[in-house]
Amino acid sequence: MQRQNNVYRVQGALRLNGKLKRHQLKQGLKKLVEQHAILRTTFHRRPGLKWPIQMVSPPGSFGSFGWTEQDWCHKTSAEQQQQLDRLMHSKQPSSDTAELRDPQPPLQVQLIQRAPDRFWLLFSLPALCADTTTLSLLVNALINHYGDDDISPRIAVAEVDNEIEPVQYVQISEWQHELLTTEDEDYWAGQAYWNRPALMQSQSTAQSTAWPLEHRHTADEAFNPAIFELDLSQDLRQSINCFSQSVDISMSHILLAGWQSLISRLTSAQSLVGVAFDGRDDEELCSALGPLTTYLPIRPLSSFTQTGTHRSFQQATEQVSHRAEVAASWQQYFTRDRWSAETTSTYFPVSFNYTDWSLPRSTQQLTVSLERIVACTERFHLNLSCYRQGDTLTC
């Protein structure tokens, strides 16, 4: 954890169109913060201590979440977009390095009015408390709470059983600790899978790979990556989707295969890629909030450096998909500390993550859709983040 470096955050902007009930929205947020302890978790530094102290505040002990409102109705559409860009890439108040005397709620929310019936709702959470899946789950739960008394009969909304307590992140941490300290047959099989010599060698290659025109940062330089966004064209999205259906392979694995192919062509090296797995394969964890995402090493394929036909890329995609599925089955046994000790590397230079959002959603008077995500939970040299919402794919 880098002191005073607030780049490690998960931020999202929602587009709200229609009649907005502010009080109902804030009540929904308050209820979610009360239900999930990870949204009340802060990290504080004390003089003389190397590591920060984790504190979980009881519900209602201090401001449930940060809330601000802005009126941009007087700005043009272009000015609003420019200002949103600045907000999404600005340094956010850091709750994970806050002083004990002035704790800040992890969840920071901004409501921006663009027109009488158009809004942006911005969320920001530190990476110590959230991942991109957390943001997606939080937004969907908020819509459910908001729409409890105002739901359109055309929209199917998951029922929320208020009598069932949500799984807390601390419970998941205890389960993971028990899993990694119970040295049974599965434990040793998992360790054998992640400690394969070929995998370690691929990580060493990735660490030493030189990029064209790359500026190597020193160890004391703050991590502050540049961000470039691209909405894929309709023709390209349709081509990827058709290929996905024809080979029966998920879009995320096809994009990963293409990313690995590009990296190998640019560097002429067989470097592995750190791929984000959200750690929620178990049914009990599918709605859990918290930083459950783990980046796992996926080894590249030699065929990526060869100029081939459409068929050769299909074969490579099938192999990438298989490797990703096997890695997912062993993800609970991957330990970053041991991996770092074996490879002398604390992060993956090249990484990839994919998130499929279920938005847009609607109530009788409000339509909700995703405007933008800016998320950074790991250090990297080069990362490809893909976010899909309906027919839209942003990288």
Protein backbone atom coordinates (compact mmCIF):
# COMPACT_ATOMS: atom_id res chain seq x y z
CA MET A 1 0.00 0.00 0.00
CA GLN A 2 1.53 3.26 -1.13
CA ARG A 3 1.17 6.23 1.17
CA GLN A 4 -0.74 9.18 -0.27
CA ASN A 5 -1.35 7.36 -3.58
CA ASN A 6 -5.08 7.40 -4.26
CA VAL A 7 -4.93 5.87 -7.72
CA TYR A 8 -6.00 2.48 -6.32
CA ARG A 9 -9.73 3.07 -6.47
CA VAL A 10 -12.89 1.77 -8.12
CA GLN A 11 -15.00 4.55 -9.61
CA GLY A 12 -18.18 4.43 -11.65
CA ALA A 13 -20.60 6.92 -13.17
CA LEU A 14 -24.26 6.06 -13.76
CA ARG A 15 -26.60 7.85 -16.11
CA LEU A 16 -30.02 8.54 -14.53
CA ASN A 17 -32.86 9.75 -16.74
CA GLY A 18 -36.30 10.57 -15.39
CA LYS A 19 -37.85 11.71 -12.13
CA LEU A 20 -35.35 11.21 -9.31
CA LYS A 21 -36.34 10.90 -5.66
CA ARG A 22 -33.21 12.03 -3.83
CA HIS A 23 -34.36 11.01 -0.36
CA GLN A 24 -35.28 7.52 -1.53
CA LEU A 25 -31.91 7.17 -3.24
CA LYS A 26 -30.00 8.23 -0.11
CA GLN A 27 -32.06 5.90 2.07
CA GLY A 28 -31.16 3.01 -0.23
CA LEU A 29 -27.46 3.85 0.06
CA LYS A 30 -27.71 4.11 3.84
CA LYS A 31 -29.38 0.71 4.05
CA LEU A 32 -26.64 -0.91 1.96
CA VAL A 33 -23.86 0.60 4.08
CA GLU A 34 -25.57 -0.70 7.21
CA GLN A 35 -25.87 -4.20 5.70
CA HIS A 36 -22.26 -4.53 4.49
CA ALA A 37 -19.42 -4.02 6.97
CA ILE A 38 -16.84 -3.64 4.19
CA LEU A 39 -18.51 -0.32 3.29
CA ARG A 40 -17.79 0.84 6.85
CA THR A 41 -14.17 -0.33 6.90
CA THR A 42 -11.36 2.22 7.08
CA PHE A 43 -7.58 1.95 7.41
CA HIS A 44 -5.58 4.29 9.63
CA ARG A 45 -1.90 4.91 10.18
CA ARG A 46 -0.31 5.55 13.55
CA PRO A 47 3.20 6.82 14.22
CA GLY A 48 5.68 4.01 14.73
CA LEU A 49 3.55 1.33 13.08
CA LYS A 50 4.56 0.01 9.65
CA TRP A 51 1.13 -1.28 8.70
CA PRO A 52 -2.18 0.59 8.96
CA ILE A 53 -4.88 -0.40 11.42
CA GLN A 54 -8.15 -1.78 10.08
CA MET A 55 -11.30 -0.45 11.73
CA VAL A 56 -14.92 -1.47 11.11
CA SER A 57 -17.33 1.14 12.40
CA PRO A 58 -20.75 0.09 13.69
CA PRO A 59 -23.76 1.19 11.62
CA GLY A 60 -24.58 4.85 12.15
CA SER A 61 -21.41 5.59 14.15
CA PHE A 62 -20.36 8.28 11.66
CA GLY A 63 -21.51 9.46 8.26
CA SER A 64 -22.65 6.35 6.40
CA PHE A 65 -21.21 7.61 3.13
CA GLY A 66 -19.90 10.79 1.60
CA TRP A 67 -22.58 12.69 -0.33
CA THR A 68 -22.25 15.82 -2.45
CA GLU A 69 -24.48 17.41 -5.07
CA GLN A 70 -23.63 19.67 -8.00
CA ASP A 71 -25.78 21.53 -10.51
CA TRP A 72 -24.38 21.54 -14.06
CA CYS A 73 -27.57 22.58 -15.84
CA HIS A 74 -25.89 25.81 -16.98
CA LYS A 75 -23.06 23.91 -18.73
CA THR A 76 -23.16 22.69 -22.32
CA SER A 77 -23.08 18.96 -23.03
CA ALA A 78 -19.43 19.20 -24.10
CA GLU A 79 -18.49 21.09 -20.93
CA GLN A 80 -20.28 18.49 -18.82
CA GLN A 81 -18.33 15.66 -20.47
CA GLN A 82 -15.04 17.47 -19.95
CA GLN A 83 -15.82 18.11 -16.30
CA LEU A 84 -16.83 14.47 -15.82
CA ASP A 85 -13.49 13.39 -17.30
CA ARG A 86 -11.67 15.56 -14.77
CA LEU A 87 -13.73 14.21 -11.88
CA MET A 88 -13.23 10.57 -12.85
CA HIS A 89 -9.47 11.00 -13.14
CA SER A 90 -8.93 13.36 -10.21
CA LYS A 91 -7.33 12.43 -6.91
CA GLN A 92 -10.06 11.31 -4.53
CA PRO A 93 -10.01 11.77 -0.76
CA SER A 94 -8.23 8.73 0.64
CA SER A 95 -10.07 6.87 3.39
CA ASP A 96 -7.43 4.13 3.59
CA THR A 97 -4.70 6.53 4.76
CA ALA A 98 -6.89 8.80 6.86
CA GLU A 99 -5.85 10.01 10.28
CA LEU A 100 -7.71 8.57 13.26
CA ARG A 101 -9.02 11.98 14.23
CA ASP A 102 -10.75 12.51 10.87
CA PRO A 103 -12.09 9.23 9.44
CA GLN A 104 -13.69 9.40 6.01
CA PRO A 105 -16.40 6.96 4.86
CA PRO A 106 -15.05 4.56 2.20
CA LEU A 107 -18.05 5.11 -0.08
CA GLN A 108 -18.08 8.54 -1.70
CA VAL A 109 -21.11 9.50 -3.83
CA GLN A 110 -21.73 12.55 -6.01
CA LEU A 111 -25.03 13.46 -7.63
CA ILE A 112 -24.66 15.76 -10.63
CA GLN A 113 -27.74 17.30 -12.21
CA ARG A 114 -27.28 17.87 -15.95
CA ALA A 115 -30.86 18.88 -16.80
CA PRO A 116 -34.24 18.85 -15.00
CA ASP A 117 -34.62 15.10 -15.68
CA ARG A 118 -31.01 14.00 -16.36
CA PHE A 119 -28.34 13.14 -13.77
CA TRP A 120 -24.99 11.48 -13.25
CA LEU A 121 -24.44 9.46 -10.08
CA LEU A 122 -20.75 8.93 -9.28
CA PHE A 123 -19.40 6.26 -6.93
CA SER A 124 -15.87 5.99 -5.56
CA LEU A 125 -14.44 3.28 -3.29
CA PRO A 126 -10.83 2.49 -2.28
CA ALA A 127 -9.39 -0.72 -3.75
CA LEU A 128 -8.89 -2.02 -0.20
CA CYS A 129 -12.68 -2.25 0.10
CA ALA A 130 -13.96 -3.01 -3.38
CA ASP A 131 -13.41 -4.38 -6.87
CA THR A 132 -15.35 -3.77 -10.08
CA THR A 133 -17.79 -6.58 -9.28
CA THR A 134 -18.47 -4.91 -5.93
CA LEU A 135 -19.46 -1.74 -7.76
CA SER A 136 -21.77 -3.68 -10.09
CA LEU A 137 -23.41 -5.52 -7.17
CA LEU A 138 -23.73 -2.30 -5.19
CA VAL A 139 -25.45 -0.51 -8.06
CA ASN A 140 -27.89 -3.35 -8.72
CA ALA A 141 -28.73 -3.65 -5.02
CA LEU A 142 -29.28 0.11 -4.86
CA ILE A 143 -31.70 -0.05 -7.79
CA ASN A 144 -33.55 -2.87 -6.06
CA HIS A 145 -33.87 -0.84 -2.85
CA TYR A 146 -34.82 2.31 -4.75
CA GLY A 147 -37.42 0.46 -6.78
CA ASP A 148 -39.05 -1.46 -3.92
CA ASP A 149 -41.99 0.95 -3.89
CA ASP A 150 -41.75 2.15 -7.47
CA ILE A 151 -40.99 -0.78 -9.73
CA SER A 152 -42.11 -1.22 -13.30
CA PRO A 153 -44.04 -4.47 -13.94
CA ARG A 154 -42.01 -4.84 -17.16
CA ILE A 155 -38.73 -5.19 -15.27
CA ALA A 156 -37.85 -8.34 -13.36
CA VAL A 157 -36.04 -7.36 -10.18
CA ALA A 158 -34.45 -9.93 -7.88
CA GLU A 159 -36.32 -10.30 -4.62
CA VAL A 160 -34.45 -9.17 -1.54
CA ASP A 161 -35.04 -11.23 1.60
CA ASN A 162 -34.40 -8.81 4.45
CA GLU A 163 -34.24 -11.68 6.95
CA ILE A 164 -31.13 -13.18 5.34
CA GLU A 165 -27.91 -11.54 6.44
CA PRO A 166 -25.49 -10.91 3.56
CA VAL A 167 -22.14 -12.68 3.63
CA GLN A 168 -19.58 -10.31 5.14
CA TYR A 169 -16.08 -9.89 3.77
CA VAL A 170 -14.54 -10.78 7.14
CA GLN A 171 -16.30 -14.16 6.95
CA ILE A 172 -14.86 -14.74 3.49
CA SER A 173 -11.38 -13.81 4.73
CA GLU A 174 -11.66 -16.32 7.57
CA TRP A 175 -12.77 -19.03 5.15
CA GLN A 176 -9.87 -18.27 2.78
CA HIS A 177 -7.40 -18.37 5.68
CA GLU A 178 -8.76 -21.74 6.78
CA LEU A 179 -8.53 -23.03 3.20
CA LEU A 180 -4.87 -22.04 2.92
CA THR A 181 -3.86 -23.41 6.32
CA THR A 182 -5.56 -26.79 5.96
CA GLU A 183 -2.87 -28.78 4.19
CA ASP A 184 -5.10 -31.42 2.66
CA GLU A 185 -4.93 -33.08 -0.75
CA ASP A 186 -6.61 -30.17 -2.54
CA TYR A 187 -4.22 -27.68 -0.94
CA TRP A 188 -1.12 -29.49 -2.17
CA ALA A 189 -2.63 -30.00 -5.63
CA GLY A 190 -3.36 -26.27 -5.82
CA GLN A 191 0.16 -25.35 -4.75
CA ALA A 192 1.62 -27.74 -7.32
CA TYR A 193 -0.48 -26.11 -10.04
CA TRP A 194 0.65 -22.55 -9.24
CA ASN A 195 4.31 -23.44 -8.60
CA ARG A 196 4.96 -25.04 -11.99
CA PRO A 197 8.43 -24.12 -13.34
CA ALA A 198 7.02 -23.09 -16.74
CA LEU A 199 4.69 -20.61 -15.06
CA MET A 200 7.49 -19.13 -12.97
CA GLN A 201 9.71 -18.80 -16.04
CA SER A 202 6.96 -16.98 -17.94
CA GLN A 203 6.68 -14.45 -15.10
CA SER A 204 10.44 -13.87 -15.15
CA THR A 205 10.22 -13.24 -18.89
CA ALA A 206 7.37 -10.78 -18.36
CA GLN A 207 9.39 -8.85 -15.76
CA SER A 208 12.38 -8.45 -18.07
CA THR A 209 10.45 -7.70 -21.27
CA ALA A 210 11.25 -4.28 -22.75
CA TRP A 211 8.46 -2.33 -24.41
CA PRO A 212 8.99 -0.05 -27.41
CA LEU A 213 9.55 3.55 -26.20
CA GLU A 214 8.94 2.46 -22.59
CA HIS A 215 9.95 4.71 -19.71
CA ARG A 216 10.97 2.52 -16.78
CA HIS A 217 9.83 3.96 -13.46
CA THR A 218 12.04 3.78 -10.42
CA ALA A 219 10.90 2.07 -7.24
CA ASP A 220 10.24 5.36 -5.44
CA GLU A 221 8.09 6.85 -8.21
CA ALA A 222 4.35 6.95 -7.52
CA PHE A 223 2.20 4.71 -9.69
CA ASN A 224 0.03 7.01 -11.81
CA PRO A 225 -1.05 5.33 -15.07
CA ALA A 226 -2.47 7.13 -18.09
CA ILE A 227 -5.94 6.01 -19.19
CA PHE A 228 -7.23 5.78 -22.76
CA GLU A 229 -10.82 4.78 -23.51
CA LEU A 230 -12.28 3.36 -26.71
CA ASP A 231 -15.83 2.30 -27.55
CA LEU A 232 -15.61 -0.53 -30.07
CA SER A 233 -17.54 0.04 -33.29
CA GLN A 234 -20.77 -1.81 -33.95
CA ASP A 235 -19.22 -3.81 -36.80
CA LEU A 236 -16.32 -4.96 -34.63
CA ARG A 237 -18.63 -5.88 -31.75
CA GLN A 238 -20.82 -7.90 -34.07
CA SER A 239 -17.80 -9.70 -35.53
CA ILE A 240 -16.54 -10.65 -32.07
CA ASN A 241 -20.01 -11.73 -30.99
CA CYS A 242 -20.51 -13.88 -34.10
CA PHE A 243 -17.12 -15.52 -33.60
CA SER A 244 -17.97 -16.12 -29.93
CA GLN A 245 -21.20 -17.87 -30.85
CA SER A 246 -19.64 -19.92 -33.66
CA VAL A 247 -16.90 -21.39 -31.43
CA ASP A 248 -18.98 -21.40 -28.22
CA ILE A 249 -16.36 -19.44 -26.27
CA SER A 250 -17.10 -16.47 -24.04
CA MET A 251 -16.33 -12.98 -25.27
CA SER A 252 -14.00 -12.43 -22.31
CA HIS A 253 -11.79 -15.35 -23.37
CA ILE A 254 -11.76 -14.19 -26.99
CA LEU A 255 -10.64 -10.71 -25.93
CA LEU A 256 -8.00 -12.25 -23.66
CA ALA A 257 -6.67 -14.35 -26.54
CA GLY A 258 -6.48 -11.28 -28.74
CA TRP A 259 -4.72 -9.33 -25.98
CA GLN A 260 -2.12 -12.08 -25.48
CA SER A 261 -1.60 -12.27 -29.23
CA LEU A 262 -0.99 -8.52 -29.47
CA ILE A 263 1.42 -8.51 -26.51
CA SER A 264 3.46 -11.34 -28.01
CA ARG A 265 3.67 -9.62 -31.38
CA LEU A 266 4.75 -6.32 -29.83
CA THR A 267 7.44 -7.82 -27.60
CA SER A 268 8.42 -11.01 -29.48
CA ALA A 269 8.36 -12.69 -26.07
CA GLN A 270 6.22 -15.34 -24.44
CA SER A 271 5.07 -13.29 -21.44
CA LEU A 272 2.20 -14.36 -19.24
CA VAL A 273 -0.76 -12.10 -18.48
CA GLY A 274 -2.30 -11.50 -15.06
CA VAL A 275 -6.04 -12.08 -15.52
CA ALA A 276 -8.68 -10.87 -13.06
CA PHE A 277 -10.92 -13.56 -11.52
CA ASP A 278 -13.58 -12.18 -9.22
CA GLY A 279 -13.50 -15.07 -6.70
CA ARG A 280 -17.28 -15.47 -6.55
CA ASP A 281 -17.73 -18.88 -8.14
CA ASP A 282 -19.38 -20.26 -5.01
CA GLU A 283 -23.13 -19.60 -4.93
CA GLU A 284 -22.91 -18.15 -1.42
CA LEU A 285 -20.37 -15.56 -2.59
CA CYS A 286 -22.07 -14.41 -5.79
CA SER A 287 -23.53 -11.32 -4.08
CA ALA A 288 -20.67 -10.62 -1.65
CA LEU A 289 -19.11 -7.14 -1.58
CA GLY A 290 -15.40 -6.60 -1.06
CA PRO A 291 -12.01 -6.91 -2.78
CA LEU A 292 -12.42 -10.56 -3.77
CA THR A 293 -10.87 -10.21 -7.23
CA THR A 294 -7.52 -11.93 -7.67
CA TYR A 295 -5.20 -11.60 -10.65
CA LEU A 296 -3.99 -15.03 -11.75
CA PRO A 297 -1.14 -15.84 -14.15
CA ILE A 298 -2.25 -17.23 -17.52
CA ARG A 299 0.65 -18.52 -19.60
CA PRO A 300 0.82 -17.46 -23.29
CA LEU A 301 0.80 -19.80 -26.27
CA SER A 302 3.65 -20.22 -28.73
CA SER A 303 1.24 -20.02 -31.67
CA PHE A 304 0.60 -16.35 -30.85
CA THR A 305 3.90 -15.31 -32.39
CA GLN A 306 3.14 -16.99 -35.70
CA THR A 307 1.17 -15.46 -38.53
CA GLY A 308 -1.74 -17.80 -39.00
CA THR A 309 -5.23 -18.15 -40.36
CA HIS A 310 -8.61 -17.67 -38.73
CA ARG A 311 -8.47 -21.34 -37.80
CA SER A 312 -5.17 -20.92 -35.93
CA PHE A 313 -6.63 -18.08 -33.86
CA GLN A 314 -9.63 -20.27 -33.08
CA GLN A 315 -7.32 -23.00 -31.80
CA ALA A 316 -5.40 -20.48 -29.71
CA THR A 317 -8.66 -19.09 -28.32
CA GLU A 318 -9.80 -22.58 -27.35
CA GLN A 319 -6.52 -23.17 -25.53
CA VAL A 320 -6.70 -19.82 -23.74
CA SER A 321 -10.27 -20.57 -22.69
CA HIS A 322 -9.23 -23.97 -21.35
CA ARG A 323 -6.33 -22.52 -19.38
CA ALA A 324 -8.53 -19.80 -17.91
CA GLU A 325 -11.15 -22.35 -16.84
CA VAL A 326 -8.52 -24.54 -15.16
CA ALA A 327 -6.99 -21.51 -13.42
CA ALA A 328 -10.44 -20.53 -12.16
CA SER A 329 -10.87 -23.95 -10.54
CA TRP A 330 -7.64 -23.43 -8.54
CA GLN A 331 -7.98 -19.69 -7.86
CA GLN A 332 -8.65 -20.09 -4.12
CA TYR A 333 -5.21 -21.68 -3.67
CA PHE A 334 -3.22 -18.89 -5.30
CA THR A 335 -1.27 -16.88 -2.73
CA ARG A 336 0.35 -13.63 -3.83
CA ASP A 337 2.92 -13.67 -1.01
CA ARG A 338 4.32 -17.05 -2.01
CA TRP A 339 4.21 -16.16 -5.70
CA SER A 340 6.09 -12.92 -5.04
CA ALA A 341 8.71 -14.76 -2.99
CA GLU A 342 9.27 -17.34 -5.73
CA THR A 343 9.35 -14.89 -8.66
CA THR A 344 10.65 -11.74 -6.85
CA SER A 345 7.71 -9.91 -8.44
CA THR A 346 4.87 -8.20 -6.58
CA TYR A 347 2.63 -7.64 -9.62
CA PHE A 348 1.97 -8.72 -13.21
CA PRO A 349 3.45 -6.29 -15.76
CA VAL A 350 0.66 -7.09 -18.25
CA SER A 351 -2.89 -7.61 -17.02
CA PHE A 352 -6.46 -8.06 -18.24
CA ASN A 353 -9.92 -7.79 -16.74
CA TYR A 354 -13.44 -8.08 -18.12
CA THR A 355 -16.74 -7.07 -16.51
CA ASP A 356 -20.22 -7.75 -17.88
CA TRP A 357 -22.74 -5.23 -16.51
CA SER A 358 -26.43 -6.12 -16.32
CA LEU A 359 -27.53 -2.49 -16.67
CA PRO A 360 -29.55 -0.65 -17.95
CA ARG A 361 -32.37 -1.06 -15.46
CA SER A 362 -35.58 0.90 -15.00
CA THR A 363 -38.30 1.78 -12.55
CA GLN A 364 -41.58 3.39 -13.51
CA GLN A 365 -40.02 6.86 -13.44
CA LEU A 366 -36.26 6.33 -13.75
CA THR A 367 -33.92 4.67 -16.26
CA VAL A 368 -30.41 3.72 -15.11
CA SER A 369 -27.44 2.90 -17.35
CA LEU A 370 -23.66 2.83 -17.08
CA GLU A 371 -21.78 5.92 -18.22
CA ARG A 372 -18.18 5.06 -17.32
CA ILE A 373 -15.88 3.03 -15.08
CA VAL A 374 -12.36 3.92 -13.98
CA ALA A 375 -10.87 1.20 -11.79
CA CYS A 376 -7.37 0.36 -10.64
CA THR A 377 -6.82 -2.33 -8.02
CA GLU A 378 -3.37 -3.59 -9.06
CA ARG A 379 -0.09 -2.14 -10.26
CA PHE A 380 0.85 -2.88 -13.89
CA HIS A 381 2.84 -1.70 -16.89
CA LEU A 382 0.03 -2.26 -19.37
CA ASN A 383 -3.56 -3.26 -18.63
CA LEU A 384 -6.61 -3.90 -20.80
CA SER A 385 -9.96 -3.41 -19.06
CA CYS A 386 -13.13 -4.35 -20.95
CA TYR A 387 -16.64 -3.41 -19.83
CA ARG A 388 -19.69 -4.74 -21.60
CA GLN A 389 -23.21 -3.36 -21.18
CA GLY A 390 -25.77 -4.79 -23.56
CA ASP A 391 -24.52 -4.08 -27.09
CA THR A 392 -21.82 -1.66 -25.88
CA LEU A 393 -18.21 -2.72 -25.33
CA THR A 394 -15.71 -0.23 -23.91
CA CYS A 395 -11.98 -0.90 -23.55
